[in-house]
Structures are given as C-alpha cells and as structure tokens.
C-alpha cells in the first residue's frame, strides 16, 4: 500500500477517534443517552486500535509516533503530525516514440 493511501486511512481513523471521543464525553456530561454510548463507544475503540495499527505499519514511523499513537482520544492526530511528510513515489520514465 503506498504511503499516501496509508496516511489517508490514518487521518480518517484519527478524525473518527477524536470526534467519537468528543461525542462520548458530551453525552456523558449532558443527557447521558445509553444508546449513544453503546454506538459510539465501540466506534471509538475501533478507530483507536486502527490508528495505532496504521502508525505501526507506516514506513516512516518513529518510536515517538508510536508512543503518541497510544494516547487515547488524540493519539492518532498527534502521531499523524509527528510523522515525516510522505515521500513522493518515483515513477519510471517512459519513452515516447
């Protein structure tokens, strides 16, 4: 999988992780609807685990990025910011006749 595609997946998972945490905490401190918690909790957990896995699989990962990824809620975003910019894939030159 090219690094840009992996980064897009990490960015999506990190966003879902953060937004779902905000929804969970807002629900907890306001109306506390159990259905919201039962739907958003597993979504948050899956996004959290996916973010960690995406950082570990990244070709340009660092130990710091992995350590940041395990912070619940914002770890995916922090790890994404700490990873170096993806390198452009070199394309072979094509000859035209």
Protein backbone atom coordinates (compact mmCIF):
# COMPACT_ATOMS: atom_id res chain seq x y z
CA UNK A 1 0.00 0.00 0.00
CA UNK A 2 1.51 3.36 -0.99
CA UNK A 3 2.32 5.66 1.90
CA UNK A 4 -0.19 8.35 0.80
CA UNK A 5 -3.04 5.85 0.96
CA UNK A 6 -1.90 4.69 4.39
CA UNK A 7 -1.72 8.28 5.60
CA UNK A 8 -5.23 8.97 4.33
CA UNK A 9 -6.50 5.97 6.26
CA UNK A 10 -4.64 7.12 9.38
CA UNK A 11 -6.05 10.64 9.00
CA UNK A 12 -9.59 9.28 8.72
CA UNK A 13 -9.18 6.95 11.71
CA UNK A 14 -7.62 9.71 13.82
CA UNK A 15 -10.50 12.04 12.98
CA UNK A 16 -13.10 9.40 13.85
CA UNK A 17 -11.22 8.66 17.08
CA UNK A 18 -11.23 12.31 18.16
CA UNK A 19 -14.81 13.07 17.09
CA UNK A 20 -16.17 9.93 18.73
CA UNK A 21 -14.39 10.82 21.99
CA UNK A 22 -15.96 14.28 21.89
CA UNK A 23 -19.39 12.72 21.31
CA UNK A 24 -18.87 10.26 24.18
CA UNK A 25 -17.77 12.93 26.63
CA UNK A 26 -20.51 15.35 25.58
CA UNK A 27 -23.09 12.62 26.03
CA UNK A 28 -21.65 11.68 29.41
CA UNK A 29 -21.70 15.21 30.78
CA UNK A 30 -25.08 16.26 29.33
CA UNK A 31 -28.02 13.96 28.64
CA UNK A 32 -26.27 10.57 29.01
CA UNK A 33 -28.29 8.61 26.46
CA UNK A 34 -27.20 4.97 26.77
CA UNK A 35 -27.84 4.30 23.06
CA UNK A 36 -25.34 6.99 22.06
CA UNK A 37 -22.70 5.47 24.33
CA UNK A 38 -23.35 1.94 23.09
CA UNK A 39 -22.98 3.03 19.45
CA UNK A 40 -20.12 5.48 19.82
CA UNK A 41 -18.02 3.52 22.31
CA UNK A 42 -17.16 0.61 20.00
CA UNK A 43 -16.65 3.02 17.10
CA UNK A 44 -14.15 4.96 19.21
CA UNK A 45 -12.37 1.78 20.26
CA UNK A 46 -12.06 0.51 16.71
CA UNK A 47 -10.76 3.86 15.46
CA UNK A 48 -8.25 3.95 18.35
CA UNK A 49 -6.91 0.48 17.53
CA UNK A 50 -6.88 1.20 13.80
CA UNK A 51 -4.87 4.39 14.39
CA UNK A 52 -2.27 2.50 16.39
CA UNK A 53 -2.03 -0.17 13.72
CA UNK A 54 -1.77 2.39 10.93
CA UNK A 55 1.09 4.16 12.67
CA UNK A 56 2.91 0.89 13.30
CA UNK A 57 2.55 -0.10 9.63
CA UNK A 58 3.72 3.29 8.32
CA UNK A 59 7.08 3.03 6.57
CA UNK A 60 8.32 6.29 8.09
CA UNK A 61 7.20 5.57 11.64
CA UNK A 62 9.28 6.67 14.58
CA UNK A 63 9.29 5.47 18.16
CA UNK A 64 7.84 8.83 19.19
CA UNK A 65 4.97 8.47 16.70
CA UNK A 66 4.11 5.03 18.05
CA UNK A 67 4.24 6.33 21.62
CA UNK A 68 1.94 9.22 20.69
CA UNK A 69 -0.49 6.90 18.90
CA UNK A 70 -1.31 5.01 22.09
CA UNK A 71 -2.65 8.15 23.80
CA UNK A 72 -6.44 7.64 23.83
CA UNK A 73 -8.54 10.21 22.02
CA UNK A 74 -5.92 12.43 20.42
CA UNK A 75 -3.07 9.99 19.88
CA UNK A 76 -3.85 9.38 16.23
CA UNK A 77 -3.80 13.09 15.43
CA UNK A 78 -0.60 13.66 17.41
CA UNK A 79 1.10 10.72 15.72
CA UNK A 80 -0.01 11.94 12.31
CA UNK A 81 1.53 15.33 12.98
CA UNK A 82 4.79 13.81 14.19
CA UNK A 83 5.30 11.56 11.17
CA UNK A 84 7.53 12.97 8.43
CA UNK A 85 5.85 14.01 5.19
CA UNK A 86 5.29 11.08 2.82
CA UNK A 87 7.92 10.82 0.14
CA UNK A 88 6.79 11.02 -3.45
CA UNK A 89 6.96 7.73 -5.29
CA UNK A 90 9.48 7.87 -8.11
CA UNK A 91 7.85 6.87 -11.37
CA UNK A 92 9.93 5.21 -14.06
CA UNK A 93 10.49 7.36 -17.10
CA UNK A 94 8.53 6.27 -20.15
CA UNK A 95 9.90 6.62 -23.62
CA UNK A 96 7.74 8.16 -26.27
CA UNK A 97 8.41 7.47 -29.91
